[in-house]
Amino acid sequence: MAGKTARGRPHFYFTTKPKGESAASIPEGYEAYELPDTGAVVLRKKQPTRIIEFERLALENAIRTQAGLTHFVVEVVKDALIVHLSDMSPDDIRGFLDDMVPLSSRRVADATDRLGRNARYSKMMRFRLVSEQPRQFEVDRWCFLGGIDDWFPIGDTAPMAAQIKKFVKHLGKESFFELI
């Protein structure tokens, strides 16, 4: 949608209940962006990054193969890759469904996938580019200790492949909380 602010400046936004004038396209220099934690779609300025698309794809592939996860989001923020995991594990979803009604294994799998995709996501791990030549990354994990909620460094500086091999296997596992 397109509108104007109180000061007369252009204002663009997404809505499921359109009122007024629809925008013909996304304004130059902006992008549609889905917030990983809530799933809300917002319009934001395009964010410059030094992250290479291959690095994001390599991380996503490693999460699928090494951690065995299917419901996750890898977000590029500035010069970092942030891994968000679903707040509901497939086992939690299956247990919930089994308690509700008896379903065929195919229907449980379909419902598990649908619920997993629509769950809330929380940031868990961050791979920060700290040097371009050679490309070196540092890894942080999100700390969930009430007053400390923030990133906590968990490794030395190393190439992306080495960091993936060392840390991705802990995503979605109890061993993640031992990474300090």
Protein backbone atom coordinates (compact mmCIF):
# COMPACT_ATOMS: atom_id res chain seq x y z
CA MET A 1 0.00 0.00 0.00
CA ALA A 2 1.06 3.57 -0.54
CA GLY A 3 0.20 6.55 1.58
CA LYS A 4 1.62 9.68 3.14
CA THR A 5 2.87 10.38 6.64
CA ALA A 6 1.54 13.30 8.71
CA ARG A 7 4.43 15.37 7.30
CA GLY A 8 3.49 14.47 3.72
CA ARG A 9 6.32 12.01 3.07
CA PRO A 10 5.62 8.81 1.11
CA HIS A 11 4.78 5.82 3.30
CA PHE A 12 4.75 2.23 1.97
CA TYR A 13 3.55 -0.84 3.85
CA PHE A 14 2.10 -4.33 3.50
CA THR A 15 -1.35 -5.24 4.77
CA THR A 16 -3.89 -8.03 4.54
CA LYS A 17 -6.70 -5.44 4.70
CA PRO A 18 -6.03 -2.95 1.90
CA LYS A 19 -7.46 0.54 2.19
CA GLY A 20 -6.65 3.35 -0.17
CA GLU A 21 -4.11 3.40 -2.95
CA SER A 22 -2.05 0.31 -3.84
CA ALA A 23 1.60 0.83 -4.73
CA ALA A 24 2.48 -0.17 -8.30
CA SER A 25 5.83 -1.63 -7.23
CA ILE A 26 8.36 -1.73 -4.43
CA PRO A 27 10.24 1.60 -4.28
CA GLU A 28 13.80 1.69 -5.63
CA GLY A 29 16.37 0.75 -2.96
CA TYR A 30 13.83 -1.15 -0.83
CA GLU A 31 12.95 -4.80 -0.46
CA ALA A 32 10.17 -6.95 0.96
CA TYR A 33 11.59 -8.69 4.01
CA GLU A 34 10.12 -11.36 6.28
CA LEU A 35 11.13 -11.04 9.94
CA PRO A 36 12.37 -14.51 11.02
CA ASP A 37 11.08 -14.29 14.60
CA THR A 38 7.48 -13.30 13.81
CA GLY A 39 6.97 -13.96 10.11
CA ALA A 40 5.76 -10.38 9.59
CA VAL A 41 6.53 -8.97 6.14
CA VAL A 42 7.95 -5.45 6.16
CA LEU A 43 9.37 -3.05 3.62
CA ARG A 44 12.92 -2.05 4.42
CA LYS A 45 15.92 -0.40 2.81
CA LYS A 46 18.20 -2.92 1.10
CA GLN A 47 21.03 -3.85 3.44
CA PRO A 48 24.60 -3.89 2.07
CA THR A 49 26.61 -6.99 3.00
CA ARG A 50 29.98 -8.57 2.30
CA ILE A 51 28.48 -12.06 2.75
CA ILE A 52 28.70 -14.15 -0.42
CA GLU A 53 25.58 -16.07 -1.48
CA PHE A 54 27.66 -19.27 -1.60
CA GLU A 55 28.41 -18.89 2.13
CA ARG A 56 24.71 -18.66 2.98
CA LEU A 57 23.90 -21.66 0.79
CA ALA A 58 26.76 -23.70 2.30
CA LEU A 59 25.49 -22.94 5.80
CA GLU A 60 21.90 -23.89 4.89
CA ASN A 61 23.08 -27.16 3.33
CA ALA A 62 25.17 -27.99 6.42
CA ILE A 63 22.22 -27.33 8.74
CA ARG A 64 20.12 -29.80 6.72
CA THR A 65 22.82 -32.48 6.48
CA GLN A 66 24.89 -32.15 9.65
CA ALA A 67 22.21 -31.02 12.11
CA GLY A 68 19.37 -32.85 10.37
CA LEU A 69 17.06 -29.84 10.63
CA THR A 70 14.40 -28.85 8.13
CA HIS A 71 12.78 -25.84 9.81
CA PHE A 72 15.27 -22.99 10.09
CA VAL A 73 16.01 -19.57 8.62
CA VAL A 74 19.45 -18.24 7.72
CA GLU A 75 19.24 -14.46 7.79
CA VAL A 76 21.93 -12.17 6.35
CA VAL A 77 22.36 -9.11 8.60
CA LYS A 78 25.15 -6.73 7.67
CA ASP A 79 28.25 -8.96 7.57
CA ALA A 80 26.82 -11.91 9.48
CA LEU A 81 24.73 -15.01 8.91
CA ILE A 82 22.22 -15.56 11.71
CA VAL A 83 20.65 -18.98 12.16
CA HIS A 84 17.09 -19.03 13.52
CA LEU A 85 15.48 -22.30 14.59
CA SER A 86 11.83 -23.15 14.98
CA ASP A 87 10.63 -22.94 18.58
CA MET A 88 8.82 -26.26 18.05
CA SER A 89 10.87 -29.35 17.28
CA PRO A 90 9.39 -32.02 14.99
CA ASP A 91 9.22 -34.38 18.00
CA ASP A 92 7.25 -31.78 20.01
CA ILE A 93 4.82 -31.33 17.12
CA ARG A 94 4.37 -35.09 16.62
CA GLY A 95 3.72 -35.55 20.35
CA PHE A 96 1.17 -32.76 20.30
CA LEU A 97 -0.59 -34.25 17.26
CA ASP A 98 -0.60 -37.77 18.74
CA ASP A 99 -2.30 -36.41 21.87
CA MET A 100 -4.98 -34.62 19.84
CA VAL A 101 -6.31 -37.17 17.37
CA PRO A 102 -5.08 -40.35 15.78
CA LEU A 103 -3.74 -39.56 12.30
CA SER A 104 -2.08 -41.60 9.57
CA SER A 105 1.69 -41.28 9.42
CA ARG A 106 1.40 -39.29 6.18
CA ARG A 107 -1.06 -36.81 7.73
CA VAL A 108 1.20 -36.47 10.80
CA ALA A 109 4.18 -35.76 8.52
CA ASP A 110 2.18 -33.16 6.55
CA ALA A 111 0.87 -31.48 9.71
CA THR A 112 4.34 -31.56 11.32
CA ASP A 113 5.82 -29.83 8.29
CA ARG A 114 3.04 -27.22 8.14
CA LEU A 115 3.23 -26.44 11.87
CA GLY A 116 7.04 -26.31 11.75
CA ARG A 117 7.00 -23.79 8.91
CA ASN A 118 4.48 -21.60 10.74
CA ALA A 119 6.12 -21.72 14.18
CA ARG A 120 7.96 -18.82 15.77
CA TYR A 121 11.70 -18.78 15.17
CA SER A 122 14.48 -17.78 17.57
CA LYS A 123 18.03 -16.72 16.79
CA MET A 124 20.55 -19.32 17.92
CA MET A 125 23.90 -18.92 16.18
CA ARG A 126 25.72 -16.18 14.29
CA PHE A 127 28.63 -16.48 11.84
CA ARG A 128 30.34 -13.05 11.60
CA LEU A 129 32.71 -12.14 8.79
CA VAL A 130 35.70 -10.51 10.49
CA SER A 131 38.26 -10.56 7.66
CA GLU A 132 37.83 -10.56 3.89
CA GLN A 133 41.38 -11.55 2.92
CA PRO A 134 41.51 -14.35 3.83
CA ARG A 135 37.78 -14.79 4.57
CA GLN A 136 37.60 -15.51 8.29
CA PHE A 137 34.55 -15.88 10.54
CA GLU A 138 33.86 -15.83 14.26
CA VAL A 139 30.90 -17.73 15.72
CA ASP A 140 28.57 -16.62 18.52
CA ARG A 141 25.63 -18.37 20.13
CA TRP A 142 22.60 -16.65 21.58
CA CYS A 143 22.67 -16.66 25.38
CA PHE A 144 19.27 -17.21 27.02
CA LEU A 145 20.17 -16.20 30.59
CA GLY A 146 17.54 -13.56 31.38
CA GLY A 147 19.58 -10.42 31.97
CA ILE A 148 22.31 -11.54 29.56
CA ASP A 149 20.16 -12.11 26.44
CA ASP A 150 22.84 -11.33 23.87
CA TRP A 151 25.43 -12.92 21.60
CA PHE A 152 28.21 -14.88 23.31
CA PRO A 153 31.44 -15.76 21.42
CA ILE A 154 32.11 -19.51 21.24
CA GLY A 155 35.03 -19.98 18.90
CA ASP A 156 38.23 -18.68 17.44
CA THR A 157 38.53 -17.00 14.05
CA ALA A 158 38.58 -19.54 11.20
CA PRO A 159 37.39 -20.06 7.62
CA MET A 160 33.65 -20.61 7.14
CA ALA A 161 34.02 -24.31 6.28
CA ALA A 162 35.89 -24.98 9.53
CA GLN A 163 33.32 -23.06 11.60
CA ILE A 164 30.45 -24.93 9.95
CA LYS A 165 32.08 -28.30 10.63
CA LYS A 166 32.76 -27.41 14.27
CA PHE A 167 29.46 -25.78 15.29
CA VAL A 168 26.51 -26.63 13.04
CA LYS A 169 26.19 -30.16 14.42
CA HIS A 170 25.12 -28.64 17.78
CA LEU A 171 22.09 -26.79 16.41
CA GLY A 172 18.85 -28.21 17.78
CA LYS A 173 20.73 -30.43 20.27
CA GLU A 174 21.35 -30.21 24.01
CA SER A 175 25.08 -29.85 23.28
CA PHE A 176 24.30 -26.35 21.94
CA PHE A 177 23.85 -25.12 25.51
CA GLU A 178 27.30 -26.40 26.46
CA LEU A 179 28.99 -24.19 23.85
CA ILE A 180 30.64 -21.52 26.00
